[in-house]
Amino acid sequence: MDAHLSREAYQALTALGLIYSQSNPDGLLIGHKRGHRYFVEKIFPTPKGFFPSRETFFTMNEFFKEKILGFYSFAKDEKKIKKILAPFTHGKLFLEIRLDKKRKMTIKSYIIDYENEFFLSAIQLKSNK
């Protein structure tokens, strides 16, 4: 299982990192899944914490025609992660994005998995930079 980040999505994440690195933006990953590969086509920035309620997540998913693949965050913190470790997000993708002092971006990718409890399981990420 792996994830593929489109050039458009990578470019948008890079731009967010250049502009909003102090506010640590979060957001949704939009795309599709084919077989064992997640294809992230674009991103959608959200307020901190991805979504205010489970109902809002379902409404957003309907709005995006069931194409929400997962979430991204420039600041992985336990409170945000705990929020997405839930039955309705099982199998979704999570991208943890870090910026170094030169604003060089590194991305770690995970899927939300379950075995007696929900957790993040690392998967490989490929991108068209």
C-alpha atoms as a PDB file:
ATOM      1  CA  MET A   1       0.000   0.000   0.000  1.00  0.00           C
ATOM      2  CA  ASP A   2       1.274   3.460  -0.878  1.00  0.00           C
ATOM      3  CA  ALA A   3       0.186   7.005  -1.660  1.00  0.00           C
ATOM      4  CA  HIS A   4       0.843   9.184  -4.676  1.00  0.00           C
ATOM      5  CA  LEU A   5       0.838  12.981  -4.337  1.00  0.00           C
ATOM      6  CA  SER A   6       0.022  14.885  -7.552  1.00  0.00           C
ATOM      7  CA  ARG A   7       2.167  17.797  -8.693  1.00  0.00           C
ATOM      8  CA  GLU A   8      -0.746  20.178  -7.962  1.00  0.00           C
ATOM      9  CA  ALA A   9      -1.197  18.878  -4.399  1.00  0.00           C
ATOM     10  CA  TYR A  10       2.569  18.976  -3.716  1.00  0.00           C
ATOM     11  CA  GLN A  11       2.782  22.529  -5.049  1.00  0.00           C
ATOM     12  CA  ALA A  12      -0.168  23.654  -2.896  1.00  0.00           C
ATOM     13  CA  LEU A  13       1.366  22.099   0.244  1.00  0.00           C
ATOM     14  CA  THR A  14       4.712  23.745  -0.530  1.00  0.00           C
ATOM     15  CA  ALA A  15       3.017  27.139  -0.959  1.00  0.00           C
ATOM     16  CA  LEU A  16       1.162  26.711   2.344  1.00  0.00           C
ATOM     17  CA  GLY A  17       4.448  25.915   4.026  1.00  0.00           C
ATOM     18  CA  LEU A  18       5.999  29.101   2.649  1.00  0.00           C
ATOM     19  CA  ILE A  19       3.096  31.316   3.649  1.00  0.00           C
ATOM     20  CA  TYR A  20       1.465  29.797   6.718  1.00  0.00           C
ATOM     21  CA  SER A  21       4.194  27.903   8.540  1.00  0.00           C
ATOM     22  CA  GLN A  22       3.598  29.887  11.732  1.00  0.00           C
ATOM     23  CA  SER A  23      -0.089  28.958  11.964  1.00  0.00           C
ATOM     24  CA  ASN A  24       0.482  25.243  11.295  1.00  0.00           C
ATOM     25  CA  PRO A  25      -2.338  24.675   8.811  1.00  0.00           C
ATOM     26  CA  ASP A  26      -4.379  21.496   8.627  1.00  0.00           C
ATOM     27  CA  GLY A  27      -6.555  20.253   5.831  1.00  0.00           C
ATOM     28  CA  LEU A  28      -8.211  17.557   3.800  1.00  0.00           C
ATOM     29  CA  LEU A  29      -6.729  15.386   1.071  1.00  0.00           C
ATOM     30  CA  ILE A  30      -8.986  15.045  -1.973  1.00  0.00           C
ATOM     31  CA  GLY A  31      -8.593  12.300  -4.556  1.00  0.00           C
ATOM     32  CA  HIS A  32      -9.324   8.649  -5.101  1.00  0.00           C
ATOM     33  CA  LYS A  33      -8.107   5.186  -4.224  1.00  0.00           C
ATOM     34  CA  ARG A  34      -7.311   2.540  -6.808  1.00  0.00           C
ATOM     35  CA  GLY A  35      -6.392  -0.889  -5.518  1.00  0.00           C
ATOM     36  CA  HIS A  36      -3.846  -0.380  -2.762  1.00  0.00           C
ATOM     37  CA  ARG A  37      -2.797   3.119  -3.846  1.00  0.00           C
ATOM     38  CA  TYR A  38      -4.122   6.478  -2.672  1.00  0.00           C
ATOM     39  CA  PHE A  39      -4.019   9.206  -5.354  1.00  0.00           C
ATOM     40  CA  VAL A  40      -4.031  12.672  -3.758  1.00  0.00           C
ATOM     41  CA  GLU A  41      -5.187  15.051  -6.473  1.00  0.00           C
ATOM     42  CA  LYS A  42      -5.596  18.219  -4.430  1.00  0.00           C
ATOM     43  CA  ILE A  43      -5.780  19.608  -0.932  1.00  0.00           C
ATOM     44  CA  PHE A  44      -8.340  21.686   0.892  1.00  0.00           C
ATOM     45  CA  PRO A  45      -7.134  23.817   3.846  1.00  0.00           C
ATOM     46  CA  THR A  46      -9.328  23.722   6.948  1.00  0.00           C
ATOM     47  CA  PRO A  47      -9.348  25.370  10.354  1.00  0.00           C
ATOM     48  CA  LYS A  48      -7.062  23.766  12.906  1.00  0.00           C
ATOM     49  CA  GLY A  49      -8.297  20.289  13.759  1.00  0.00           C
ATOM     50  CA  PHE A  50      -9.568  19.279  10.277  1.00  0.00           C
ATOM     51  CA  PHE A  51     -13.326  19.522  11.017  1.00  0.00           C
ATOM     52  CA  PRO A  52     -15.470  20.758  13.930  1.00  0.00           C
ATOM     53  CA  SER A  53     -17.666  17.643  14.228  1.00  0.00           C
ATOM     54  CA  ARG A  54     -18.254  14.201  12.767  1.00  0.00           C
ATOM     55  CA  GLU A  55     -21.411  15.476  11.101  1.00  0.00           C
ATOM     56  CA  THR A  56     -19.448  18.278   9.431  1.00  0.00           C
ATOM     57  CA  PHE A  57     -16.938  15.720   8.153  1.00  0.00           C
ATOM     58  CA  PHE A  58     -19.775  13.718   6.545  1.00  0.00           C
ATOM     59  CA  THR A  59     -21.240  16.893   5.021  1.00  0.00           C
ATOM     60  CA  MET A  60     -17.829  17.851   3.616  1.00  0.00           C
ATOM     61  CA  ASN A  61     -17.353  14.343   2.233  1.00  0.00           C
ATOM     62  CA  GLU A  62     -20.730  14.588   0.459  1.00  0.00           C
ATOM     63  CA  PHE A  63     -19.761  18.019  -0.901  1.00  0.00           C
ATOM     64  CA  PHE A  64     -16.518  16.545  -2.301  1.00  0.00           C
ATOM     65  CA  LYS A  65     -18.489  13.614  -3.794  1.00  0.00           C
ATOM     66  CA  GLU A  66     -17.027  11.036  -1.379  1.00  0.00           C
ATOM     67  CA  LYS A  67     -13.468  11.941  -2.456  1.00  0.00           C
ATOM     68  CA  ILE A  68     -11.963  12.861   0.929  1.00  0.00           C
ATOM     69  CA  LEU A  69      -8.963  10.523   1.157  1.00  0.00           C
ATOM     70  CA  GLY A  70      -7.674  11.820   4.440  1.00  0.00           C
ATOM     71  CA  PHE A  71      -5.951  14.650   6.235  1.00  0.00           C
ATOM     72  CA  TYR A  72      -2.722  16.637   6.389  1.00  0.00           C
ATOM     73  CA  SER A  73      -1.143  18.664   9.143  1.00  0.00           C
ATOM     74  CA  PHE A  74       1.927  20.841   9.493  1.00  0.00           C
ATOM     75  CA  ALA A  75       1.854  20.297  13.258  1.00  0.00           C
ATOM     76  CA  LYS A  76       1.193  16.772  14.434  1.00  0.00           C
ATOM     77  CA  ASP A  77      -0.142  16.939  17.950  1.00  0.00           C
ATOM     78  CA  GLU A  78      -1.810  14.210  19.951  1.00  0.00           C
ATOM     79  CA  LYS A  79      -5.127  16.031  20.339  1.00  0.00           C
ATOM     80  CA  LYS A  80      -5.558  16.383  16.567  1.00  0.00           C
ATOM     81  CA  ILE A  81      -4.405  12.830  15.921  1.00  0.00           C
ATOM     82  CA  LYS A  82      -6.770  11.421  18.541  1.00  0.00           C
ATOM     83  CA  LYS A  83      -9.654  13.195  16.788  1.00  0.00           C
ATOM     84  CA  ILE A  84      -9.035  11.368  13.499  1.00  0.00           C
ATOM     85  CA  LEU A  85      -8.367   7.958  15.053  1.00  0.00           C
ATOM     86  CA  ALA A  86     -12.014   6.914  14.838  1.00  0.00           C
ATOM     87  CA  PRO A  87     -14.186   4.326  13.091  1.00  0.00           C
ATOM     88  CA  PHE A  88     -15.462   6.779  10.450  1.00  0.00           C
ATOM     89  CA  THR A  89     -11.888   7.628   9.383  1.00  0.00           C
ATOM     90  CA  HIS A  90     -10.572   4.050   9.283  1.00  0.00           C
ATOM     91  CA  GLY A  91      -8.529   3.518   6.116  1.00  0.00           C
ATOM     92  CA  LYS A  92      -8.025   7.240   5.495  1.00  0.00           C
ATOM     93  CA  LEU A  93      -4.617   8.732   4.707  1.00  0.00           C
ATOM     94  CA  PHE A  94      -2.725  11.125   6.994  1.00  0.00           C
ATOM     95  CA  LEU A  95       0.230  13.273   5.878  1.00  0.00           C
ATOM     96  CA  GLU A  96       2.497  14.718   8.547  1.00  0.00           C
ATOM     97  CA  ILE A  97       4.365  17.684   7.077  1.00  0.00           C
ATOM     98  CA  ARG A  98       7.474  19.208   8.600  1.00  0.00           C
ATOM     99  CA  LEU A  99       9.472  22.273   7.559  1.00  0.00           C
ATOM    100  CA  ASP A 100      13.116  22.769   8.438  1.00  0.00           C
ATOM    101  CA  LYS A 101      14.702  26.181   9.049  1.00  0.00           C
ATOM    102  CA  LYS A 102      15.213  26.633   5.300  1.00  0.00           C
ATOM    103  CA  ARG A 103      11.532  25.756   4.767  1.00  0.00           C
ATOM    104  CA  LYS A 104      12.436  22.499   3.073  1.00  0.00           C
ATOM    105  CA  MET A 105       9.435  20.227   3.384  1.00  0.00           C
ATOM    106  CA  THR A 106       9.449  16.590   4.459  1.00  0.00           C
ATOM    107  CA  ILE A 107       6.304  14.494   4.418  1.00  0.00           C
ATOM    108  CA  LYS A 108       5.564  11.284   6.298  1.00  0.00           C
ATOM    109  CA  SER A 109       2.515   9.311   5.216  1.00  0.00           C
ATOM    110  CA  TYR A 110       0.286   7.014   7.241  1.00  0.00           C
ATOM    111  CA  ILE A 111      -3.033   5.261   7.018  1.00  0.00           C
ATOM    112  CA  ILE A 112      -5.482   5.134   9.886  1.00  0.00           C
ATOM    113  CA  ASP A 113      -5.558   1.494  10.881  1.00  0.00           C
ATOM    114  CA  TYR A 114      -7.151  -0.626  13.578  1.00  0.00           C
ATOM    115  CA  GLU A 115      -6.039  -3.574  15.672  1.00  0.00           C
ATOM    116  CA  ASN A 116      -7.653  -3.487  19.127  1.00  0.00           C
ATOM    117  CA  GLU A 117      -7.310   0.306  18.873  1.00  0.00           C
ATOM    118  CA  PHE A 118      -6.896   2.919  16.145  1.00  0.00           C
ATOM    119  CA  PHE A 119      -3.343   3.941  15.193  1.00  0.00           C
ATOM    120  CA  LEU A 120      -1.289   5.456  12.381  1.00  0.00           C
ATOM    121  CA  SER A 121       0.505   2.917  10.194  1.00  0.00           C
ATOM    122  CA  ALA A 122       3.346   4.229   7.986  1.00  0.00           C
ATOM    123  CA  ILE A 123       3.108   3.779   4.217  1.00  0.00           C
ATOM    124  CA  GLN A 124       5.312   4.867   1.325  1.00  0.00           C
ATOM    125  CA  LEU A 125       4.659   8.220  -0.383  1.00  0.00           C
ATOM    126  CA  LYS A 126       5.508   9.053  -3.997  1.00  0.00           C
ATOM    127  CA  SER A 127       5.108  12.489  -5.529  1.00  0.00           C
ATOM    128  CA  ASN A 128       5.400  14.395  -8.802  1.00  0.00           C
ATOM    129  CA  LYS A 129       7.451  17.362  -7.624  1.00  0.00           C
END
